C-alpha atoms as a PDB file:
ATOM      1  CA  MET A   1       0.125  -0.029   0.052  1.00  0.00           C
ATOM      2  CA  ASN A   2       2.890   2.291   0.828  1.00  0.00           C
ATOM      3  CA  ALA A   3       5.011   1.116  -1.824  1.00  0.00           C
ATOM      4  CA  LEU A   4       3.472   2.522  -4.614  1.00  0.00           C
ATOM      5  CA  PRO A   5       3.804   6.294  -4.005  1.00  0.00           C
ATOM      6  CA  ILE A   6       7.456   5.661  -3.425  1.00  0.00           C
ATOM      7  CA  LEU A   7       8.107   4.165  -6.580  1.00  0.00           C
ATOM      8  CA  ILE A   8       6.267   6.815  -8.532  1.00  0.00           C
ATOM      9  CA  ILE A   9       8.213   9.365  -6.805  1.00  0.00           C
ATOM     10  CA  GLY A  10      11.533   7.647  -7.546  1.00  0.00           C
ATOM     11  CA  VAL A  11      10.396   6.966 -11.418  1.00  0.00           C
ATOM     12  CA  ALA A  12       9.851  10.704 -11.376  1.00  0.00           C
ATOM     13  CA  ALA A  13      13.243  11.511 -10.282  1.00  0.00           C
ATOM     14  CA  ALA A  14      15.212   9.434 -12.214  1.00  0.00           C
ATOM     15  CA  VAL A  15      13.599  10.853 -15.209  1.00  0.00           C
ATOM     16  CA  GLY A  16      14.459  14.534 -13.949  1.00  0.00           C
ATOM     17  CA  ALA A  17      17.738  13.098 -13.573  1.00  0.00           C
ATOM     18  CA  TYR A  18      18.231  12.060 -16.770  1.00  0.00           C
ATOM     19  CA  LEU A  19      16.826  14.960 -18.934  1.00  0.00           C
ATOM     20  CA  LEU A  20      18.709  17.414 -16.414  1.00  0.00           C
ATOM     21  CA  THR A  21      22.056  14.888 -17.395  1.00  0.00           C
ATOM     22  CA  VAL A  22      21.047  15.274 -20.988  1.00  0.00           C
ATOM     23  CA  GLY A  23      20.781  19.085 -21.125  1.00  0.00           C
ATOM     24  CA  ILE A  24      23.547  19.734 -19.163  1.00  0.00           C
ATOM     25  CA  ILE A  25      25.862  17.169 -21.458  1.00  0.00           C
ATOM     26  CA  ALA A  26      23.813  19.216 -24.192  1.00  0.00           C
ATOM     27  CA  SER A  27      25.014  22.860 -23.425  1.00  0.00           C
ATOM     28  CA  ARG A  28      28.915  21.226 -23.470  1.00  0.00           C
ATOM     29  CA  ALA A  29      29.032  19.667 -26.454  1.00  0.00           C
ATOM     30  CA  ALA A  30      28.764  23.583 -28.624  1.00  0.00           C
ATOM     31  CA  ASP A  31      33.234  23.648 -28.235  1.00  0.00           C
ATOM     32  CA  ALA A  32      34.639  26.216 -30.312  1.00  0.00           C
ATOM     33  CA  ALA A  33      35.759  23.430 -33.099  1.00  0.00           C
ATOM     34  CA  THR A  34      32.130  22.516 -33.071  1.00  0.00           C
ATOM     35  CA  MET A  35      30.871  26.580 -33.266  1.00  0.00           C
ATOM     36  CA  ALA A  36      33.610  27.329 -35.681  1.00  0.00           C
ATOM     37  CA  ARG A  37      32.159  24.434 -38.464  1.00  0.00           C
ATOM     38  CA  GLU A  38      28.730  25.451 -37.422  1.00  0.00           C
ATOM     39  CA  ARG A  39      30.008  29.049 -38.889  1.00  0.00           C
ATOM     40  CA  LEU A  40      31.725  28.160 -42.218  1.00  0.00           C
ATOM     41  CA  ALA A  41      28.365  25.459 -42.560  1.00  0.00           C
ATOM     42  CA  ARG A  42      26.413  28.836 -42.543  1.00  0.00           C
ATOM     43  CA  GLN A  43      28.435  30.559 -44.543  1.00  0.00           C
ATOM     44  CA  GLU A  44      29.163  28.078 -47.172  1.00  0.00           C
ATOM     45  CA  VAL A  45      32.831  28.571 -47.100  1.00  0.00           C
ATOM     46  CA  GLY A  46      36.278  26.413 -45.868  1.00  0.00           C
ATOM     47  CA  LEU A  47      38.159  24.078 -48.390  1.00  0.00           C
ATOM     48  CA  GLY A  48      35.282  24.617 -51.270  1.00  0.00           C
ATOM     49  CA  GLN A  49      32.988  22.457 -48.791  1.00  0.00           C
ATOM     50  CA  SER A  50      28.975  23.226 -48.960  1.00  0.00           C
ATOM     51  CA  ALA A  51      26.878  23.203 -46.294  1.00  0.00           C
ATOM     52  CA  VAL A  52      25.291  20.173 -46.912  1.00  0.00           C
ATOM     53  CA  ALA A  53      29.408  18.271 -47.538  1.00  0.00           C
ATOM     54  CA  LEU A  54      29.884  20.089 -43.768  1.00  0.00           C
ATOM     55  CA  GLU A  55      26.852  18.446 -42.709  1.00  0.00           C
ATOM     56  CA  MET A  56      27.340  14.909 -43.967  1.00  0.00           C
ATOM     57  CA  GLU A  57      30.501  14.415 -42.943  1.00  0.00           C
ATOM     58  CA  LYS A  58      29.103  14.184 -39.061  1.00  0.00           C
ATOM     59  CA  PRO A  59      28.229  10.680 -37.650  1.00  0.00           C
ATOM     60  CA  LEU A  60      24.986   9.412 -38.670  1.00  0.00           C
ATOM     61  CA  GLY A  61      23.890   8.830 -34.883  1.00  0.00           C
ATOM     62  CA  GLN A  62      24.812  12.444 -34.255  1.00  0.00           C
ATOM     63  CA  ARG A  63      22.875  13.168 -37.292  1.00  0.00           C
ATOM     64  CA  LEU A  64      19.945  11.008 -36.433  1.00  0.00           C
ATOM     65  CA  THR A  65      19.792  12.435 -32.916  1.00  0.00           C
ATOM     66  CA  ALA A  66      20.362  16.223 -33.524  1.00  0.00           C
ATOM     67  CA  PRO A  67      16.750  17.440 -33.761  1.00  0.00           C
ATOM     68  CA  MET A  68      15.944  15.397 -30.595  1.00  0.00           C
ATOM     69  CA  ARG A  69      18.831  16.914 -28.444  1.00  0.00           C
ATOM     70  CA  ARG A  70      17.511  20.843 -30.438  1.00  0.00           C
ATOM     71  CA  TRP A  71      14.299  19.885 -28.737  1.00  0.00           C
ATOM     72  CA  LEU A  72      15.780  18.778 -25.680  1.00  0.00           C
ATOM     73  CA  ASP A  73      17.903  21.867 -25.271  1.00  0.00           C
ATOM     74  CA  ARG A  74      14.732  24.271 -25.904  1.00  0.00           C
ATOM     75  CA  GLN A  75      12.591  22.618 -23.357  1.00  0.00           C
ATOM     76  CA  MET A  76      15.574  22.805 -20.842  1.00  0.00           C
ATOM     77  CA  MET A  77      15.530  26.776 -21.181  1.00  0.00           C
ATOM     78  CA  ARG A  78      11.750  26.961 -21.114  1.00  0.00           C
ATOM     79  CA  MET A  79      12.142  25.149 -18.254  1.00  0.00           C
ATOM     80  CA  THR A  80      14.560  27.511 -16.054  1.00  0.00           C
ATOM     81  CA  PRO A  81      12.681  30.011 -13.744  1.00  0.00           C
ATOM     82  CA  GLU A  82      13.906  33.012 -15.094  1.00  0.00           C
ATOM     83  CA  ALA A  83      12.698  31.953 -18.934  1.00  0.00           C
ATOM     84  CA  GLN A  84       9.709  30.670 -17.351  1.00  0.00           C
ATOM     85  CA  ALA A  85       9.058  33.955 -15.131  1.00  0.00           C
ATOM     86  CA  ALA A  86       9.692  36.105 -18.143  1.00  0.00           C
ATOM     87  CA  HIS A  87       7.297  34.098 -20.907  1.00  0.00           C
ATOM     88  CA  TYR A  88       4.604  33.811 -18.390  1.00  0.00           C
ATOM     89  CA  ARG A  89       5.115  38.164 -18.053  1.00  0.00           C
ATOM     90  CA  ARG A  90       4.792  38.331 -21.604  1.00  0.00           C
ATOM     91  CA  GLN A  91       1.435  36.570 -21.685  1.00  0.00           C
ATOM     92  CA  LEU A  92      -0.218  37.929 -18.713  1.00  0.00           C
ATOM     93  CA  ASP A  93       0.905  41.461 -20.048  1.00  0.00           C
ATOM     94  CA  PHE A  94      -0.608  40.901 -23.289  1.00  0.00           C
ATOM     95  CA  ALA A  95      -3.867  39.173 -21.768  1.00  0.00           C
ATOM     96  CA  GLY A  96      -4.315  42.195 -19.555  1.00  0.00           C
ATOM     97  CA  ASN A  97      -3.425  40.536 -16.960  1.00  0.00           C
ATOM     98  CA  PRO A  98      -6.643  38.512 -15.697  1.00  0.00           C
ATOM     99  CA  MET A  99      -7.337  38.366 -12.308  1.00  0.00           C
ATOM    100  CA  ASN A 100      -4.105  40.490 -11.352  1.00  0.00           C
ATOM    101  CA  LEU A 101      -2.060  37.446 -11.784  1.00  0.00           C
ATOM    102  CA  ASP A 102       1.629  37.959 -12.034  1.00  0.00           C
ATOM    103  CA  PRO A 103       3.977  34.811 -12.785  1.00  0.00           C
ATOM    104  CA  ALA A 104       4.426  34.134  -9.034  1.00  0.00           C
ATOM    105  CA  GLY A 105       0.457  34.102  -8.695  1.00  0.00           C
ATOM    106  CA  LEU A 106       0.474  32.096 -11.498  1.00  0.00           C
ATOM    107  CA  GLN A 107       2.538  29.800 -10.317  1.00  0.00           C
ATOM    108  CA  THR A 108       0.891  29.924  -6.474  1.00  0.00           C
ATOM    109  CA  LEU A 109      -2.196  29.260  -8.669  1.00  0.00           C
ATOM    110  CA  ARG A 110      -0.715  25.680 -10.338  1.00  0.00           C
ATOM    111  CA  ILE A 111       0.626  24.696  -6.858  1.00  0.00           C
ATOM    112  CA  ALA A 112      -3.280  25.419  -5.392  1.00  0.00           C
ATOM    113  CA  ALA A 113      -4.676  23.437  -8.449  1.00  0.00           C
ATOM    114  CA  ALA A 114      -1.845  20.501  -8.136  1.00  0.00           C
ATOM    115  CA  ALA A 115      -2.718  19.894  -4.600  1.00  0.00           C
ATOM    116  CA  ALA A 116      -6.320  20.344  -4.853  1.00  0.00           C
ATOM    117  CA  LEU A 117      -7.091  17.929  -7.791  1.00  0.00           C
ATOM    118  CA  GLY A 118      -4.478  15.615  -6.569  1.00  0.00           C
ATOM    119  CA  ALA A 119      -6.352  15.364  -3.155  1.00  0.00           C
ATOM    120  CA  ILE A 120      -9.783  14.971  -5.354  1.00  0.00           C
ATOM    121  CA  GLY A 121      -8.133  12.214  -7.603  1.00  0.00           C
ATOM    122  CA  THR A 122      -6.656  10.470  -4.319  1.00  0.00           C
ATOM    123  CA  ALA A 123     -10.289  10.705  -2.966  1.00  0.00           C
ATOM    124  CA  VAL A 124     -11.715   8.984  -6.203  1.00  0.00           C
ATOM    125  CA  GLY A 125      -8.862   6.119  -5.852  1.00  0.00           C
ATOM    126  CA  MET A 126      -9.812   5.613  -2.780  1.00  0.00           C
ATOM    127  CA  PHE A 127     -13.577   5.384  -3.256  1.00  0.00           C
ATOM    128  CA  ILE A 128     -12.505   2.234  -6.096  1.00  0.00           C
ATOM    129  CA  GLY A 129     -10.858   1.130  -3.288  1.00  0.00           C
ATOM    130  CA  THR A 130      -7.439  -0.296  -5.116  1.00  0.00           C
ATOM    131  CA  PRO A 131      -3.339   1.051  -4.306  1.00  0.00           C
ATOM    132  CA  PHE A 132      -2.957   1.105  -8.095  1.00  0.00           C
ATOM    133  CA  ALA A 133      -6.142   3.731  -8.883  1.00  0.00           C
ATOM    134  CA  THR A 134      -5.294   5.453  -5.880  1.00  0.00           C
ATOM    135  CA  GLY A 135      -1.936   6.358  -7.427  1.00  0.00           C
ATOM    136  CA  ILE A 136      -2.646   6.582 -10.989  1.00  0.00           C
ATOM    137  CA  ALA A 137      -5.775   9.169  -9.832  1.00  0.00           C
ATOM    138  CA  LEU A 138      -3.299  10.759  -7.547  1.00  0.00           C
ATOM    139  CA  VAL A 139      -0.867  11.327 -10.729  1.00  0.00           C
ATOM    140  CA  VAL A 140      -3.816  12.516 -13.240  1.00  0.00           C
ATOM    141  CA  GLY A 141      -4.944  14.847 -10.690  1.00  0.00           C
ATOM    142  CA  VAL A 142      -1.616  16.239  -9.640  1.00  0.00           C
ATOM    143  CA  ALA A 143      -0.510  16.843 -13.505  1.00  0.00           C
ATOM    144  CA  VAL A 144      -3.794  18.219 -15.139  1.00  0.00           C
ATOM    145  CA  GLY A 145      -4.106  20.836 -11.649  1.00  0.00           C
ATOM    146  CA  PHE A 146      -0.217  21.576 -12.268  1.00  0.00           C
ATOM    147  CA  TYR A 147      -1.273  22.559 -15.838  1.00  0.00           C
ATOM    148  CA  LEU A 148      -4.557  23.530 -16.195  1.00  0.00           C
ATOM    149  CA  PRO A 149      -3.767  27.183 -15.476  1.00  0.00           C
ATOM    150  CA  VAL A 150      -1.391  27.066 -18.404  1.00  0.00           C
ATOM    151  CA  ILE A 151      -3.636  26.113 -20.421  1.00  0.00           C
ATOM    152  CA  TRP A 152      -6.372  28.276 -19.669  1.00  0.00           C
ATOM    153  CA  LEU A 153      -3.925  31.414 -20.392  1.00  0.00           C
ATOM    154  CA  ASP A 154      -2.435  30.080 -23.511  1.00  0.00           C
ATOM    155  CA  GLN A 155      -6.226  30.350 -24.392  1.00  0.00           C
ATOM    156  CA  VAL A 156      -6.942  33.688 -22.959  1.00  0.00           C
ATOM    157  CA  VAL A 157      -3.937  34.666 -25.191  1.00  0.00           C
ATOM    158  CA  ARG A 158      -5.208  33.006 -28.207  1.00  0.00           C
ATOM    159  CA  GLU A 159      -8.547  34.623 -27.860  1.00  0.00           C
ATOM    160  CA  ARG A 160      -6.802  38.394 -27.370  1.00  0.00           C
ATOM    161  CA  ARG A 161      -4.951  37.302 -30.959  1.00  0.00           C
ATOM    162  CA  THR A 162      -7.448  36.590 -32.363  1.00  0.00           C
ATOM    163  CA  GLU A 163      -9.529  39.500 -31.806  1.00  0.00           C
ATOM    164  CA  LEU A 164      -6.239  41.992 -32.395  1.00  0.00           C
ATOM    165  CA  GLU A 165      -6.009  40.207 -35.815  1.00  0.00           C
ATOM    166  CA  ALA A 166      -9.578  41.023 -36.334  1.00  0.00           C
ATOM    167  CA  THR A 167      -9.440  44.919 -35.514  1.00  0.00           C
ATOM    168  CA  LEU A 168      -5.934  45.574 -36.737  1.00  0.00           C
ATOM    169  CA  PRO A 169      -6.544  46.669 -40.227  1.00  0.00           C
ATOM    170  CA  ASN A 170      -9.736  49.166 -39.524  1.00  0.00           C
ATOM    171  CA  ALA A 171      -7.321  50.514 -36.671  1.00  0.00           C
ATOM    172  CA  LEU A 172      -4.274  50.962 -39.298  1.00  0.00           C
ATOM    173  CA  ASP A 173      -6.491  52.901 -41.351  1.00  0.00           C
ATOM    174  CA  VAL A 174      -7.821  55.175 -38.831  1.00  0.00           C
ATOM    175  CA  VAL A 175      -4.043  55.791 -38.339  1.00  0.00           C
ATOM    176  CA  ALA A 176      -2.717  56.143 -42.274  1.00  0.00           C
ATOM    177  CA  ILE A 177      -5.819  58.619 -42.306  1.00  0.00           C
ATOM    178  CA  SER A 178      -4.869  60.584 -39.170  1.00  0.00           C
ATOM    179  CA  MET A 179      -1.304  60.770 -40.324  1.00  0.00           C
ATOM    180  CA  GLU A 180      -2.501  61.759 -44.460  1.00  0.00           C
ATOM    181  CA  ALA A 181      -4.255  64.723 -42.152  1.00  0.00           C
ATOM    182  CA  GLY A 182      -1.206  66.270 -41.360  1.00  0.00           C
ATOM    183  CA  LEU A 183      -0.419  64.217 -37.724  1.00  0.00           C
ATOM    184  CA  GLY A 184       2.764  62.137 -37.050  1.00  0.00           C
ATOM    185  CA  LEU A 185       3.054  59.023 -36.340  1.00  0.00           C
ATOM    186  CA  ASP A 186       2.795  59.354 -32.378  1.00  0.00           C
ATOM    187  CA  ARG A 187      -0.228  61.397 -32.740  1.00  0.00           C
ATOM    188  CA  ALA A 188      -2.331  59.557 -34.525  1.00  0.00           C
ATOM    189  CA  LEU A 189      -1.384  56.575 -32.532  1.00  0.00           C
ATOM    190  CA  GLU A 190      -2.957  59.088 -29.450  1.00  0.00           C
ATOM    191  CA  GLN A 191      -6.135  59.695 -31.550  1.00  0.00           C
ATOM    192  CA  LEU A 192      -6.719  56.116 -31.668  1.00  0.00           C
ATOM    193  CA  VAL A 193      -5.831  55.217 -28.451  1.00  0.00           C
ATOM    194  CA  ARG A 194      -8.627  57.990 -27.509  1.00  0.00           C
ATOM    195  CA  HIS A 195     -11.442  56.797 -29.582  1.00  0.00           C
ATOM    196  CA  GLN A 196     -11.316  53.386 -29.844  1.00  0.00           C
ATOM    197  CA  ASP A 197     -11.153  50.904 -26.805  1.00  0.00           C
ATOM    198  CA  ASP A 198     -10.124  47.167 -27.445  1.00  0.00           C
ATOM    199  CA  SER A 199      -7.228  44.871 -26.861  1.00  0.00           C
ATOM    200  CA  LEU A 200      -5.084  46.976 -29.297  1.00  0.00           C
ATOM    201  CA  THR A 201      -5.370  50.436 -27.852  1.00  0.00           C
ATOM    202  CA  LEU A 202      -4.196  48.909 -24.842  1.00  0.00           C
ATOM    203  CA  LEU A 203      -1.034  47.783 -26.076  1.00  0.00           C
ATOM    204  CA  LEU A 204      -0.676  51.227 -27.819  1.00  0.00           C
ATOM    205  CA  ALA A 205      -1.138  53.081 -25.115  1.00  0.00           C
ATOM    206  CA  ARG A 206       1.238  51.339 -22.639  1.00  0.00           C
ATOM    207  CA  ALA A 207       3.582  51.322 -25.767  1.00  0.00           C
ATOM    208  CA  LEU A 208       2.982  55.342 -26.074  1.00  0.00           C
ATOM    209  CA  ARG A 209       3.395  55.646 -21.986  1.00  0.00           C
ATOM    210  CA  GLU A 210       6.974  54.108 -22.422  1.00  0.00           C
ATOM    211  CA  ILE A 211       7.734  56.614 -25.328  1.00  0.00           C
ATOM    212  CA  GLN A 212       7.021  58.941 -23.098  1.00  0.00           C
ATOM    213  CA  LEU A 213       8.890  58.373 -20.156  1.00  0.00           C
ATOM    214  CA  GLY A 214      12.366  58.036 -22.193  1.00  0.00           C
ATOM    215  CA  ARG A 215      12.078  54.965 -23.942  1.00  0.00           C
ATOM    216  CA  PRO A 216      13.360  54.776 -27.124  1.00  0.00           C
ATOM    217  CA  ARG A 217      10.361  54.438 -29.613  1.00  0.00           C
ATOM    218  CA  ALA A 218      11.747  51.421 -32.080  1.00  0.00           C
ATOM    219  CA  ALA A 219      12.164  50.164 -28.813  1.00  0.00           C
ATOM    220  CA  ALA A 220       8.946  50.245 -27.371  1.00  0.00           C
ATOM    221  CA  LEU A 221       6.823  49.611 -30.543  1.00  0.00           C
ATOM    222  CA  VAL A 222       9.097  46.229 -31.581  1.00  0.00           C
ATOM    223  CA  GLU A 223       8.728  44.930 -28.267  1.00  0.00           C
ATOM    224  CA  MET A 224       4.730  45.906 -27.991  1.00  0.00           C
ATOM    225  CA  ALA A 225       4.640  43.957 -31.637  1.00  0.00           C
ATOM    226  CA  GLU A 226       6.564  41.240 -30.781  1.00  0.00           C
ATOM    227  CA  ALA A 227       4.485  40.509 -27.713  1.00  0.00           C
ATOM    228  CA  THR A 228       1.467  39.912 -29.741  1.00  0.00           C
ATOM    229  CA  GLY A 229       2.562  37.052 -31.652  1.00  0.00           C
ATOM    230  CA  ILE A 230       1.319  38.382 -34.791  1.00  0.00           C
ATOM    231  CA  ASP A 231       3.890  38.308 -37.363  1.00  0.00           C
ATOM    232  CA  ASP A 232       2.008  40.676 -39.787  1.00  0.00           C
ATOM    233  CA  PHE A 233       2.025  43.108 -36.997  1.00  0.00           C
ATOM    234  CA  THR A 234       5.878  42.511 -36.069  1.00  0.00           C
ATOM    235  CA  SER A 235       6.770  42.785 -39.848  1.00  0.00           C
ATOM    236  CA  LEU A 236       4.614  46.272 -39.917  1.00  0.00           C
ATOM    237  CA  ILE A 237       6.248  47.788 -37.494  1.00  0.00           C
ATOM    238  CA  ARG A 238       9.514  46.897 -38.642  1.00  0.00           C
ATOM    239  CA  GLY A 239       8.177  48.416 -41.688  1.00  0.00           C
ATOM    240  CA  ILE A 240       7.580  51.803 -40.218  1.00  0.00           C
ATOM    241  CA  LEU A 241      10.313  51.938 -38.765  1.00  0.00           C
ATOM    242  CA  TYR A 242      12.293  51.286 -42.132  1.00  0.00           C
ATOM    243  CA  ALA A 243       9.783  53.899 -43.695  1.00  0.00           C
ATOM    244  CA  GLU A 244      10.710  56.304 -41.368  1.00  0.00           C
ATOM    245  CA  ARG A 245      14.668  56.124 -41.487  1.00  0.00           C
ATOM    246  CA  THR A 246      14.716  55.857 -45.422  1.00  0.00           C
ATOM    247  CA  GLY A 247      11.991  58.653 -46.123  1.00  0.00           C
ATOM    248  CA  VAL A 248       9.328  56.769 -47.731  1.00  0.00           C
ATOM    249  CA  PRO A 249       5.836  58.175 -46.395  1.00  0.00           C
ATOM    250  CA  ILE A 250       4.350  56.164 -43.367  1.00  0.00           C
ATOM    251  CA  SER A 251       0.798  56.846 -44.001  1.00  0.00           C
ATOM    252  CA  ARG A 252       1.279  54.676 -47.215  1.00  0.00           C
ATOM    253  CA  THR A 253       3.267  51.966 -45.676  1.00  0.00           C
ATOM    254  CA  ILE A 254       0.694  51.885 -43.235  1.00  0.00           C
ATOM    255  CA  ALA A 255      -2.215  51.273 -45.765  1.00  0.00           C
ATOM    256  CA  ALA A 256      -0.746  48.894 -47.782  1.00  0.00           C
ATOM    257  CA  HIS A 257       0.161  46.431 -44.812  1.00  0.00           C
ATOM    258  CA  ALA A 258      -3.713  47.103 -43.967  1.00  0.00           C
ATOM    259  CA  ALA A 259      -5.061  46.056 -47.176  1.00  0.00           C
ATOM    260  CA  GLN A 260      -2.528  42.793 -47.399  1.00  0.00           C
ATOM    261  CA  MET A 261      -3.627  41.797 -44.007  1.00  0.00           C
ATOM    262  CA  ARG A 262      -7.326  41.838 -45.161  1.00  0.00           C
ATOM    263  CA  VAL A 263      -6.345  39.962 -47.881  1.00  0.00           C
ATOM    264  CA  LYS A 264      -4.709  37.028 -45.707  1.00  0.00           C
ATOM    265  CA  ARG A 265      -7.887  37.225 -43.426  1.00  0.00           C
ATOM    266  CA  ARG A 266     -10.001  36.861 -46.729  1.00  0.00           C
ATOM    267  CA  LEU A 267      -8.142  33.999 -47.365  1.00  0.00           C
ATOM    268  CA  LYS A 268      -8.349  32.514 -44.429  1.00  0.00           C
ATOM    269  CA  ILE A 269     -11.527  32.636 -44.124  1.00  0.00           C
ATOM    270  CA  ARG A 270     -11.984  30.691 -47.283  1.00  0.00           C
ATOM    271  CA  THR A 271      -9.739  28.041 -46.301  1.00  0.00           C
ATOM    272  CA  GLU A 272     -11.920  27.235 -43.427  1.00  0.00           C
ATOM    273  CA  ALA A 273     -14.750  27.407 -45.608  1.00  0.00           C
ATOM    274  CA  ALA A 274     -12.999  24.684 -47.418  1.00  0.00           C
ATOM    275  CA  ARG A 275     -12.247  22.710 -44.672  1.00  0.00           C
ATOM    276  CA  ALA A 276     -15.815  22.441 -42.963  1.00  0.00           C
ATOM    277  CA  SER A 277     -16.678  20.202 -45.701  1.00  0.00           C
ATOM    278  CA  LEU A 278     -13.951  18.001 -44.363  1.00  0.00           C
ATOM    279  CA  LYS A 279     -14.513  18.328 -40.732  1.00  0.00           C
ATOM    280  CA  ILE A 280     -18.546  17.700 -41.066  1.00  0.00           C
ATOM    281  CA  LEU A 281     -17.555  14.663 -42.848  1.00  0.00           C
ATOM    282  CA  LEU A 282     -16.819  12.168 -40.086  1.00  0.00           C
ATOM    283  CA  PRO A 283     -19.828  13.570 -37.655  1.00  0.00           C
ATOM    284  CA  THR A 284     -21.994  12.649 -40.454  1.00  0.00           C
ATOM    285  CA  VAL A 285     -20.261   9.324 -41.361  1.00  0.00           C
ATOM    286  CA  GLY A 286     -20.241   8.645 -37.752  1.00  0.00           C
ATOM    287  CA  CYS A 287     -23.816   9.048 -36.628  1.00  0.00           C
ATOM    288  CA  VAL A 288     -26.246  10.131 -39.511  1.00  0.00           C
ATOM    289  CA  PHE A 289     -25.386   7.280 -41.652  1.00  0.00           C
ATOM    290  CA  PRO A 290     -26.185   4.672 -38.836  1.00  0.00           C
ATOM    291  CA  THR A 291     -29.516   6.001 -37.966  1.00  0.00           C
ATOM    292  CA  LEU A 292     -30.654   6.474 -41.299  1.00  0.00           C
ATOM    293  CA  TRP A 293     -29.729   2.652 -41.860  1.00  0.00           C
ATOM    294  CA  LEU A 294     -31.361   1.913 -38.558  1.00  0.00           C
ATOM    295  CA  VAL A 295     -34.307   3.715 -39.511  1.00  0.00           C
ATOM    296  CA  LEU A 296     -34.196   2.064 -42.859  1.00  0.00           C
ATOM    297  CA  LEU A 297     -33.470  -1.256 -42.224  1.00  0.00           C
ATOM    298  CA  GLY A 298     -34.429  -1.511 -39.116  1.00  0.00           C
ATOM    299  CA  PRO A 299     -37.841  -2.608 -39.684  1.00  0.00           C
ATOM    300  CA  ALA A 300     -36.832  -5.216 -42.826  1.00  0.00           C
ATOM    301  CA  LEU A 301     -34.425  -6.342 -40.255  1.00  0.00           C
ATOM    302  CA  LEU A 302     -37.658  -7.163 -37.358  1.00  0.00           C
ATOM    303  CA  VAL A 303     -39.385  -8.857 -40.269  1.00  0.00           C
ATOM    304  CA  VAL A 304     -36.300 -11.349 -41.700  1.00  0.00           C
ATOM    305  CA  LEU A 305     -35.709 -12.283 -37.398  1.00  0.00           C
ATOM    306  CA  THR A 306     -39.087 -13.114 -37.210  1.00  0.00           C
ATOM    307  CA  MET A 307     -39.745 -14.935 -40.091  1.00  0.00           C
ATOM    308  CA  SER A 308     -36.825 -16.965 -39.193  1.00  0.00           C
ATOM    309  CA  SER A 309     -37.821 -17.434 -35.745  1.00  0.00           C
ATOM    310  CA  LYS A 310     -40.832 -19.264 -37.423  1.00  0.00           C
END
């Protein structure tokens, strides 16, 4: 009865130690010679060899396991406290700090949810009555509770990103018209923030406040665009900064990006509409057709069974 939790803890500790060891070994493997070879491969120079030839010189096992090792490195970097705190901070800021959460509060919520669902899982397992069921219910409850707040935050971020993508073209048109009327970029953004209230204006208001406090405008706008996770928005901000440096009219750049985003949104809607027929195929075949067969062939089947029984 008492050996199962100890066994589960031991297995979890062994897996954690293995992942930590793999991450340390992978981080130390990038010595000076390997880094020099990678630079030569990227620049396609050195003894007349191409990047493909330099890559093929590596052992087969190293080439096969390289994607897995890179994935483990990324996961190990994401599991560090500083990287997790920075990631959660960006997500919470973008989502508008729901429930006034900060990274520490989110981690506290995860621990509390894990403890609560773990207790519920233990109670369910004890109600079933077997030690194996108790251990499985405990592990499942703790895992679900620990990751449930993160899943909820990701869902909030996706909804905010979808809302931002829907309102961005119209907002860009407003900024372009304001600039064509004679306003500068900062004043046009202030007019947008003053007359609209949505997720985009919240981000713009924060960026403008940072600019007023003395932060460089380029850094504030680029960080705001990268926090959204929308590639079109990031390319727009970089295009605006490039147009400002080269003297190209910024209003034309904004209007062109707005038109391009509308075209992409229209194509995305058409793609989703084309996929609807495929998505509805499985419910039709799995639910509608069996019901029709039962309604049409059921009476005939009953007659056949009745005649065969006689």
